[in-house]
Amino acid sequence: MEKIVIEGGFPLKGKVSISGSKNSALPILAATAIFPGSYKFTNVPDIQDVRTMLELLKILGSRYTFKNNKVEITSTKLSKHEAPYDLVKTMRASVLIWGALLTRFNKAKISFPGGCAIGDRPVDQHLEGFESIGYETNINQGYLESVSAGEIGGKFNFKIKSVTGTENLILASIMGDKETTLTNCSLEPEVDDLIKFLNSLGATIKRVKEKVTITPVLKLKKQTKAYKIIPDRIEAGTFMYLACLPKNELTITNVDASTLIDVIKTVKQLGAKVKQTKKSIKITAPNKIGALKVETNPYPYFPTDLQAQLMAVLILGEGSSSIRENVFPNRFIHVAELRKLGAKIKLSSNLAKIQGTKGLAGAKMQASDLRASAGLVLAALSAVGQSEIFRIYHLDRGYEGIDNKLREVGAKICRVKE
């Protein structure tokens, strides 16, 4: 096991290049299980979640290489329809193999997914959606066993927006028997990236806002060129908030600002100076951090995956701020850890009230989930003295070489074996 040790309180300046999107790469890699073939990808983030997905595909029978952010996968010999517990328990996105296997074999067996400890994340929308388009599912000894029950295709309206639910229903229906119409779908750009990839292989998927229509095809065509994964907007947002901390100035490159409109809005409200180009965002920290009232909601509104990182900035703000968590109401485990640094935060149900303080002092903290760990890193970088962050395997699930990127802009950070 490793921990991260940070000597905080030093200004950070320089450029940070954003890696490929975790939440785009995972469903696209899962999609290679749908149809036998060879697939190539670039700008794939070298993170633990991607490694887990690739190992899952290998267990199912695919072969792959992964080097310098390039992945090559051959799925011609993929022959198993069961996703084992040992891998699925570590990463919720493993659930995306479910829809792909249903298209490949008309059956799938998958363990209940795991991942971060951020509250209840049920798969009921997946189950109801699969049933609506022609699949039956039984729960047996911790496994979800789905099979084709007739013609595949139909209509389904999501009761609440679900990113992986939308993606799974798309994956399960692109080679069905009749048209599938999905409504109240998630609007995330990662869903659009999956649709773009599948359409490049000959799928017929059309999206009009929250409505996705899938006209089935008999087969997919051979890939003609490597597919490039979009930039990770959550990693970009993380570094944008880091740039808002006292005396920092960062230029964030390889970023799509059009996917970060609500985040950029909050950065400006904090008082930071923002200068945008087509592929970069330069942020200069304010002299005084402004107070904010923010609510998390599905895209295109403020993302729950940046809630902890914004909180790490607001604890040094002027006056009172608040964050209402509407997506995962229990996603406040990091608050207890931030208090160790001297943060003044009160919780009431899904609302965090933050009273700004003039300074933080280093402390020992434990990461509870992927995005919380990033919030702790940001707070530790602004705290005077040494901080230690334990259970950093959460961080490695979603951030490619974050400690290396931080050192390049002046952070005093290192990994230490426990």
Protein backbone atom coordinates (compact mmCIF):
# COMPACT_ATOMS: atom_id res chain seq x y z
CA MET A 1 0.00 0.00 0.00
CA GLU A 2 1.09 3.55 -0.72
CA LYS A 3 0.29 6.95 0.70
CA ILE A 4 0.79 10.43 -0.70
CA VAL A 5 2.81 12.94 1.30
CA ILE A 6 2.31 16.62 0.50
CA GLU A 7 4.15 19.67 1.81
CA GLY A 8 1.55 22.35 1.24
CA GLY A 9 1.37 26.11 1.04
CA PHE A 10 3.53 26.64 -2.06
CA PRO A 11 2.26 28.48 -5.17
CA LEU A 12 1.76 26.36 -8.28
CA LYS A 13 2.43 27.67 -11.79
CA GLY A 14 2.73 26.12 -15.23
CA LYS A 15 0.92 23.93 -17.75
CA VAL A 16 -1.07 20.76 -17.17
CA SER A 17 -2.06 18.48 -20.05
CA ILE A 18 -5.37 16.68 -19.52
CA SER A 19 -5.55 12.93 -20.21
CA GLY A 20 -8.25 11.06 -22.08
CA SER A 21 -11.64 10.64 -20.44
CA LYS A 22 -12.07 7.75 -18.03
CA ASN A 23 -15.84 7.83 -18.39
CA SER A 24 -15.57 7.78 -22.16
CA ALA A 25 -12.85 5.14 -22.47
CA LEU A 26 -14.62 2.55 -20.29
CA PRO A 27 -17.89 2.18 -22.27
CA ILE A 28 -16.03 2.38 -25.58
CA LEU A 29 -13.62 -0.39 -24.55
CA ALA A 30 -16.59 -2.47 -23.36
CA ALA A 31 -18.20 -1.95 -26.77
CA THR A 32 -15.41 -3.94 -28.44
CA ALA A 33 -17.05 -7.08 -27.00
CA ILE A 34 -20.14 -6.55 -29.17
CA PHE A 35 -18.75 -7.72 -32.51
CA PRO A 36 -15.66 -9.81 -33.42
CA GLY A 37 -12.88 -7.60 -34.75
CA SER A 38 -9.71 -5.61 -34.16
CA TYR A 39 -9.94 -2.15 -32.61
CA LYS A 40 -7.45 0.68 -32.02
CA PHE A 41 -7.71 3.67 -29.69
CA THR A 42 -5.56 6.68 -28.83
CA ASN A 43 -5.60 9.13 -25.90
CA VAL A 44 -6.60 6.31 -23.54
CA PRO A 45 -5.81 7.26 -19.91
CA ASP A 46 -3.40 4.88 -18.18
CA ILE A 47 -5.42 4.50 -14.99
CA GLN A 48 -6.48 1.56 -12.87
CA ASP A 49 -10.10 1.54 -14.06
CA VAL A 50 -8.98 1.21 -17.69
CA ARG A 51 -6.58 -1.59 -16.70
CA THR A 52 -9.48 -3.34 -14.92
CA MET A 53 -11.72 -3.11 -18.00
CA LEU A 54 -8.95 -4.46 -20.23
CA GLU A 55 -8.35 -7.37 -17.85
CA LEU A 56 -12.07 -8.09 -17.83
CA LEU A 57 -12.08 -8.22 -21.64
CA LYS A 58 -9.03 -10.51 -21.51
CA ILE A 59 -10.80 -12.92 -19.13
CA LEU A 60 -13.73 -13.00 -21.55
CA GLY A 61 -11.37 -14.01 -24.38
CA SER A 62 -10.12 -10.80 -25.99
CA ARG A 63 -6.44 -9.94 -26.48
CA TYR A 64 -5.01 -6.46 -25.98
CA THR A 65 -1.89 -4.28 -25.88
CA PHE A 66 -1.68 -1.00 -23.99
CA LYS A 67 1.30 1.31 -24.38
CA ASN A 68 1.79 5.10 -24.53
CA ASN A 69 -1.94 5.71 -24.17
CA LYS A 70 -2.67 3.53 -27.20
CA VAL A 71 -4.83 0.42 -26.95
CA GLU A 72 -5.26 -2.36 -29.48
CA ILE A 73 -7.93 -4.99 -28.85
CA THR A 74 -8.81 -8.12 -30.77
CA SER A 75 -12.18 -9.58 -29.76
CA THR A 76 -12.50 -12.35 -32.34
CA LYS A 77 -11.92 -15.07 -29.73
CA LEU A 78 -14.08 -13.54 -27.01
CA SER A 79 -16.21 -16.53 -25.99
CA LYS A 80 -17.35 -16.12 -22.38
CA HIS A 81 -20.52 -14.37 -21.26
CA GLU A 82 -19.75 -14.18 -17.52
CA ALA A 83 -18.11 -11.18 -15.85
CA PRO A 84 -16.53 -12.49 -12.62
CA TYR A 85 -17.01 -11.02 -9.16
CA ASP A 86 -13.30 -10.39 -8.46
CA LEU A 87 -13.08 -7.72 -11.17
CA VAL A 88 -16.60 -6.32 -11.22
CA LYS A 89 -16.55 -5.66 -7.45
CA THR A 90 -13.71 -3.15 -7.87
CA MET A 91 -15.31 -0.90 -10.50
CA ARG A 92 -18.91 0.06 -11.11
CA ALA A 93 -18.25 0.74 -14.82
CA SER A 94 -17.71 -3.02 -15.26
CA VAL A 95 -21.50 -3.13 -15.51
CA LEU A 96 -21.12 -1.78 -19.07
CA ILE A 97 -19.94 -5.18 -20.27
CA TRP A 98 -23.49 -6.37 -19.52
CA GLY A 99 -25.11 -4.70 -22.54
CA ALA A 100 -22.22 -5.60 -24.84
CA LEU A 101 -22.39 -9.30 -23.93
CA LEU A 102 -26.15 -9.36 -24.43
CA THR A 103 -25.66 -8.18 -28.01
CA ARG A 104 -22.82 -10.66 -28.61
CA PHE A 105 -24.39 -13.77 -27.05
CA ASN A 106 -28.03 -12.91 -26.25
CA LYS A 107 -27.13 -13.72 -22.66
CA ALA A 108 -24.88 -12.35 -19.92
CA LYS A 109 -23.98 -13.13 -16.34
CA ILE A 110 -22.52 -10.31 -14.29
CA SER A 111 -21.76 -9.81 -10.62
CA PHE A 112 -23.34 -6.84 -8.88
CA PRO A 113 -20.91 -3.95 -9.55
CA GLY A 114 -18.71 -2.25 -6.97
CA GLY A 115 -16.63 0.94 -6.97
CA CYS A 116 -16.72 4.00 -4.72
CA ALA A 117 -18.39 4.32 -1.33
CA ILE A 118 -20.58 7.28 -2.26
CA GLY A 119 -24.02 5.95 -1.49
CA ASP A 120 -26.61 3.78 -3.20
CA ARG A 121 -26.08 3.31 -6.95
CA PRO A 122 -28.68 0.69 -7.93
CA VAL A 123 -28.95 -1.06 -11.29
CA ASP A 124 -32.75 -1.02 -11.35
CA GLN A 125 -32.81 1.32 -14.36
CA HIS A 126 -30.64 -1.16 -16.26
CA LEU A 127 -32.92 -4.06 -15.31
CA GLU A 128 -36.13 -2.25 -16.24
CA GLY A 129 -34.58 -1.04 -19.48
CA PHE A 130 -33.40 -4.51 -20.50
CA GLU A 131 -36.84 -5.92 -19.75
CA SER A 132 -38.48 -3.22 -21.89
CA ILE A 133 -36.36 -4.13 -24.92
CA GLY A 134 -36.72 -7.90 -24.63
CA TYR A 135 -34.37 -9.36 -22.01
CA GLU A 136 -35.23 -11.25 -18.82
CA THR A 137 -32.99 -11.09 -15.75
CA ASN A 138 -32.79 -13.32 -12.69
CA ILE A 139 -30.71 -12.65 -9.58
CA ASN A 140 -28.81 -15.72 -8.48
CA GLN A 141 -26.17 -15.84 -5.69
CA GLY A 142 -25.05 -12.26 -6.22
CA TYR A 143 -25.09 -12.46 -10.01
CA LEU A 144 -27.40 -10.85 -12.54
CA GLU A 145 -28.24 -13.41 -15.24
CA SER A 146 -29.91 -11.95 -18.34
CA VAL A 147 -31.15 -13.75 -21.48
CA SER A 148 -33.02 -12.82 -24.62
CA ALA A 149 -36.77 -13.44 -24.19
CA GLY A 150 -37.87 -12.74 -27.75
CA GLU A 151 -37.49 -9.88 -30.19
CA ILE A 152 -34.94 -7.28 -29.08
CA GLY A 153 -36.08 -3.68 -29.33
CA GLY A 154 -38.73 -1.39 -27.90
CA LYS A 155 -39.18 1.76 -25.86
CA PHE A 156 -37.90 2.78 -22.46
CA ASN A 157 -38.13 6.00 -20.47
CA PHE A 158 -35.51 6.48 -17.74
CA LYS A 159 -37.16 7.51 -14.46
CA ILE A 160 -33.95 9.30 -13.51
CA LYS A 161 -31.05 10.11 -15.79
CA SER A 162 -28.44 7.33 -15.72
CA VAL A 163 -25.18 7.56 -17.65
CA THR A 164 -24.27 3.87 -17.50
CA GLY A 165 -27.94 2.95 -17.91
CA THR A 166 -28.16 4.93 -21.14
CA GLU A 167 -24.90 3.43 -22.39
CA ASN A 168 -25.91 -0.13 -21.46
CA LEU A 169 -29.24 0.12 -23.26
CA ILE A 170 -27.49 1.43 -26.36
CA LEU A 171 -24.94 -1.40 -26.25
CA ALA A 172 -27.69 -4.00 -25.79
CA SER A 173 -29.85 -2.83 -28.71
CA ILE A 174 -27.64 -1.79 -31.65
CA MET A 175 -27.94 -5.23 -33.30
CA GLY A 176 -31.48 -6.00 -32.13
CA ASP A 177 -34.53 -7.06 -34.14
CA LYS A 178 -36.44 -3.79 -34.19
CA GLU A 179 -35.98 -0.10 -33.42
CA THR A 180 -35.29 0.99 -29.85
CA THR A 181 -36.27 4.40 -28.52
CA LEU A 182 -34.83 5.65 -25.22
CA THR A 183 -36.12 8.82 -23.57
CA ASN A 184 -34.91 10.95 -20.63
CA CYS A 185 -31.38 9.81 -21.48
CA SER A 186 -28.25 11.30 -19.93
CA LEU A 187 -26.77 14.23 -21.85
CA GLU A 188 -23.15 13.66 -20.83
CA PRO A 189 -20.54 14.12 -23.61
CA GLU A 190 -19.18 10.67 -22.74
CA VAL A 191 -22.46 9.15 -23.94
CA ASP A 192 -22.09 11.12 -27.17
CA ASP A 193 -18.54 9.79 -27.56
CA LEU A 194 -19.81 6.21 -27.30
CA ILE A 195 -22.49 6.94 -29.90
CA LYS A 196 -19.91 8.53 -32.21
CA PHE A 197 -17.63 5.49 -31.90
CA LEU A 198 -20.43 2.99 -32.58
CA ASN A 199 -21.70 5.01 -35.55
CA SER A 200 -18.16 5.04 -36.99
CA LEU A 201 -18.47 1.23 -37.13
CA GLY A 202 -21.78 1.33 -38.98
CA ALA A 203 -24.29 1.50 -36.11
CA THR A 204 -27.33 3.72 -36.66
CA ILE A 205 -27.86 5.75 -33.50
CA LYS A 206 -29.49 9.18 -33.48
CA ARG A 207 -29.76 11.52 -30.53
CA VAL A 208 -32.07 14.52 -30.27
CA LYS A 209 -31.44 16.02 -26.83
CA GLU A 210 -32.65 13.42 -24.26
CA LYS A 211 -34.06 11.04 -26.89
CA VAL A 212 -31.89 8.32 -28.43
CA THR A 213 -33.13 6.18 -31.31
CA ILE A 214 -31.30 3.00 -32.30
CA THR A 215 -32.08 1.42 -35.65
CA PRO A 216 -30.57 -2.08 -35.53
CA VAL A 217 -27.91 -3.30 -37.94
CA LEU A 218 -26.93 -6.89 -38.75
CA LYS A 219 -23.23 -6.38 -38.17
CA LEU A 220 -20.56 -3.77 -37.55
CA LYS A 221 -17.91 -2.87 -40.09
CA LYS A 222 -14.14 -3.00 -39.80
CA GLN A 223 -12.49 -0.07 -38.09
CA THR A 224 -10.48 1.99 -40.60
CA LYS A 225 -8.52 4.24 -38.24
CA ALA A 226 -7.78 4.51 -34.53
CA TYR A 227 -10.48 6.20 -32.47
CA LYS A 228 -9.36 9.08 -30.23
CA ILE A 229 -10.92 9.29 -26.75
CA ILE A 230 -12.16 12.75 -25.76
CA PRO A 231 -10.40 14.75 -22.98
CA ASP A 232 -11.42 14.10 -19.38
CA ARG A 233 -13.59 17.04 -18.31
CA ILE A 234 -13.52 15.94 -14.64
CA GLU A 235 -9.73 15.91 -14.53
CA ALA A 236 -9.80 19.30 -16.27
CA GLY A 237 -12.24 20.63 -13.68
CA THR A 238 -10.05 19.30 -10.87
CA PHE A 239 -7.04 21.28 -12.10
CA MET A 240 -9.22 24.33 -12.77
CA TYR A 241 -10.19 24.41 -9.10
CA LEU A 242 -6.58 23.81 -8.09
CA ALA A 243 -5.71 26.93 -10.08
CA CYS A 244 -8.21 28.91 -7.97
CA LEU A 245 -6.29 28.26 -4.74
CA PRO A 246 -4.18 31.15 -3.39
CA LYS A 247 -1.28 32.36 -5.58
CA ASN A 248 -1.76 29.61 -8.21
CA GLU A 249 -1.76 30.13 -11.98
CA LEU A 250 -2.27 27.19 -14.32
CA THR A 251 -2.80 26.73 -18.04
CA ILE A 252 -4.84 23.59 -18.67
CA THR A 253 -4.32 22.12 -22.14
CA ASN A 254 -5.96 19.32 -24.18
CA VAL A 255 -9.36 20.36 -22.88
CA ASP A 256 -12.79 20.91 -24.43
CA ALA A 257 -14.15 24.06 -22.77
CA SER A 258 -17.61 23.48 -24.29
CA THR A 259 -18.12 20.57 -21.86
CA LEU A 260 -17.20 22.72 -18.84
CA ILE A 261 -19.51 25.72 -19.16
CA ASP A 262 -21.04 25.45 -15.68
CA VAL A 263 -17.62 24.77 -14.13
CA ILE A 264 -16.08 27.80 -15.83
CA LYS A 265 -18.99 29.85 -14.50
CA THR A 266 -18.19 28.84 -10.91
CA VAL A 267 -14.47 29.53 -11.42
CA LYS A 268 -15.31 33.08 -12.46
CA GLN A 269 -17.69 33.45 -9.52
CA LEU A 270 -14.83 32.47 -7.22
CA GLY A 271 -13.04 35.54 -8.53
CA ALA A 272 -10.43 33.84 -10.70
CA LYS A 273 -9.30 35.26 -14.03
CA VAL A 274 -10.10 32.96 -16.96
CA LYS A 275 -8.58 33.13 -20.44
CA GLN A 276 -9.81 30.57 -22.97
CA THR A 277 -8.56 29.38 -26.32
CA LYS A 278 -9.92 26.52 -28.42
CA LYS A 279 -7.93 23.86 -26.54
CA SER A 280 -6.70 25.54 -23.36
CA ILE A 281 -7.92 27.40 -20.30
CA LYS A 282 -5.62 29.69 -18.30
CA ILE A 283 -6.72 30.41 -14.74
CA THR A 284 -5.19 32.88 -12.33
CA ALA A 285 -6.23 32.60 -8.69
CA PRO A 286 -8.17 35.48 -7.11
CA ASN A 287 -6.74 37.57 -4.28
CA LYS A 288 -9.84 36.65 -2.28
CA ILE A 289 -11.96 33.55 -2.99
CA GLY A 290 -15.62 34.44 -3.36
CA ALA A 291 -18.47 32.60 -1.65
CA LEU A 292 -20.78 30.38 -3.70
CA LYS A 293 -24.05 28.49 -3.52
CA VAL A 294 -23.94 25.45 -5.78
CA GLU A 295 -26.19 22.46 -6.49
CA THR A 296 -25.04 19.28 -8.23
CA ASN A 297 -27.24 18.00 -11.03
CA PRO A 298 -26.91 15.86 -14.16
CA TYR A 299 -25.05 17.34 -17.15
CA PRO A 300 -24.98 20.08 -18.38
CA TYR A 301 -25.29 21.42 -14.82
CA PHE A 302 -22.67 21.32 -12.09
CA PRO A 303 -21.24 17.78 -11.83
CA THR A 304 -21.29 15.72 -8.66
CA ASP A 305 -17.82 14.47 -9.63
CA LEU A 306 -16.39 17.96 -8.94
CA GLN A 307 -18.23 18.64 -5.70
CA ALA A 308 -15.33 17.63 -3.39
CA GLN A 309 -12.78 19.60 -5.43
CA LEU A 310 -14.87 22.78 -5.32
CA MET A 311 -15.36 22.30 -1.58
CA ALA A 312 -11.56 22.24 -1.17
CA VAL A 313 -11.51 25.77 -2.61
CA LEU A 314 -14.56 27.14 -0.75
CA ILE A 315 -13.12 26.24 2.66
CA LEU A 316 -10.66 29.08 2.04
CA GLY A 317 -13.32 31.44 0.73
CA GLU A 318 -14.72 34.71 2.04
CA GLY A 319 -17.89 34.28 4.07
CA SER A 320 -20.40 31.45 3.84
CA SER A 321 -20.85 29.00 0.95
CA SER A 322 -23.03 25.96 0.42
CA ILE A 323 -23.15 22.86 -1.77
CA ARG A 324 -26.35 20.86 -2.18
CA GLU A 325 -25.70 17.31 -3.41
CA ASN A 326 -28.67 16.21 -5.53
CA VAL A 327 -27.11 13.28 -7.39
CA PHE A 328 -25.60 11.19 -4.57
CA PRO A 329 -26.99 12.66 -1.31
CA ASN A 330 -24.51 10.72 0.85
CA ARG A 331 -21.43 11.91 -1.04
CA PHE A 332 -19.96 13.89 1.83
CA ILE A 333 -17.60 11.38 3.47
CA HIS A 334 -14.66 13.68 2.68
CA VAL A 335 -16.06 16.42 4.94
CA ALA A 336 -14.75 14.71 8.09
CA GLU A 337 -11.28 14.54 6.54
CA LEU A 338 -11.29 18.21 5.46
CA ARG A 339 -12.18 19.18 9.03
CA LYS A 340 -8.86 17.68 10.12
CA LEU A 341 -7.14 20.46 8.18
CA GLY A 342 -9.24 23.10 9.93
CA ALA A 343 -12.14 23.37 7.51
CA LYS A 344 -15.41 24.66 8.96
CA ILE A 345 -18.21 22.61 7.39
CA LYS A 346 -21.65 21.70 8.74
CA LEU A 347 -23.78 18.97 7.21
CA SER A 348 -27.56 18.76 7.14
CA SER A 349 -28.94 15.93 5.00
CA ASN A 350 -27.69 16.62 1.45
CA LEU A 351 -26.53 20.17 2.20
CA ALA A 352 -23.01 21.21 3.20
CA LYS A 353 -22.60 24.69 4.69
CA ILE A 354 -19.05 26.00 4.49
CA GLN A 355 -17.67 28.88 6.53
CA GLY A 356 -14.48 30.18 4.98
CA THR A 357 -11.30 30.17 7.00
CA LYS A 358 -8.06 32.10 6.48
CA GLY A 359 -5.76 29.11 6.57
CA LEU A 360 -5.42 25.35 6.87
CA ALA A 361 -2.83 23.18 8.59
CA GLY A 362 -1.54 19.84 7.30
CA ALA A 363 -2.99 16.59 8.67
CA LYS A 364 -3.38 12.87 8.02
CA MET A 365 -6.42 11.96 5.94
CA GLN A 366 -8.05 8.90 4.35
CA ALA A 367 -9.57 8.87 0.88
CA SER A 368 -13.05 7.32 0.69
CA ASP A 369 -13.65 7.45 -3.06
CA LEU A 370 -12.13 8.61 -6.34
CA ARG A 371 -13.28 12.24 -6.44
CA ALA A 372 -13.04 12.75 -2.67
CA SER A 373 -9.37 11.79 -2.89
CA ALA A 374 -8.81 14.57 -5.43
CA GLY A 375 -10.51 17.04 -3.10
CA LEU A 376 -8.20 16.00 -0.27
CA VAL A 377 -5.15 16.50 -2.50
CA LEU A 378 -6.26 20.03 -3.41
CA ALA A 379 -6.89 20.93 0.22
CA ALA A 380 -3.54 19.48 1.31
CA LEU A 381 -1.72 21.52 -1.36
CA SER A 382 -3.15 24.72 0.11
CA ALA A 383 -2.57 23.75 3.77
CA VAL A 384 0.58 24.88 5.55
CA GLY A 385 2.78 21.98 6.64
CA GLN A 386 2.79 18.29 5.84
CA SER A 387 -0.25 16.20 4.99
CA GLU A 388 -0.53 12.46 4.41
CA ILE A 389 -3.31 10.89 2.36
CA PHE A 390 -3.96 7.18 2.73
CA ARG A 391 -5.87 4.70 0.51
CA ILE A 392 -4.73 6.47 -2.65
CA TYR A 393 -5.70 3.52 -4.82
CA HIS A 394 -8.96 5.44 -5.19
CA LEU A 395 -7.01 8.30 -6.80
CA ASP A 396 -5.22 5.97 -9.21
CA ARG A 397 -8.54 4.63 -10.48
CA GLY A 398 -9.30 7.89 -12.26
CA TYR A 399 -6.28 10.23 -12.47
CA GLU A 400 -3.33 9.42 -14.70
CA GLY A 401 -0.05 10.24 -12.96
CA ILE A 402 -1.60 13.08 -10.97
CA ASP A 403 1.38 13.32 -8.63
CA ASN A 404 3.75 13.67 -11.62
CA LYS A 405 1.58 16.40 -13.14
CA LEU A 406 1.49 18.24 -9.83
CA ARG A 407 5.28 18.09 -9.41
CA GLU A 408 5.68 19.63 -12.89
CA VAL A 409 3.85 22.76 -11.71
CA GLY A 410 5.78 23.06 -8.45
CA ALA A 411 3.96 20.85 -5.94
CA LYS A 412 5.99 19.16 -3.23
CA ILE A 413 4.37 15.73 -3.40
CA CYS A 414 5.64 12.16 -3.27
CA ARG A 415 4.44 8.59 -2.84
CA VAL A 416 5.63 6.58 0.13
CA LYS A 417 5.20 2.89 0.88
CA GLU A 418 3.19 2.39 4.05
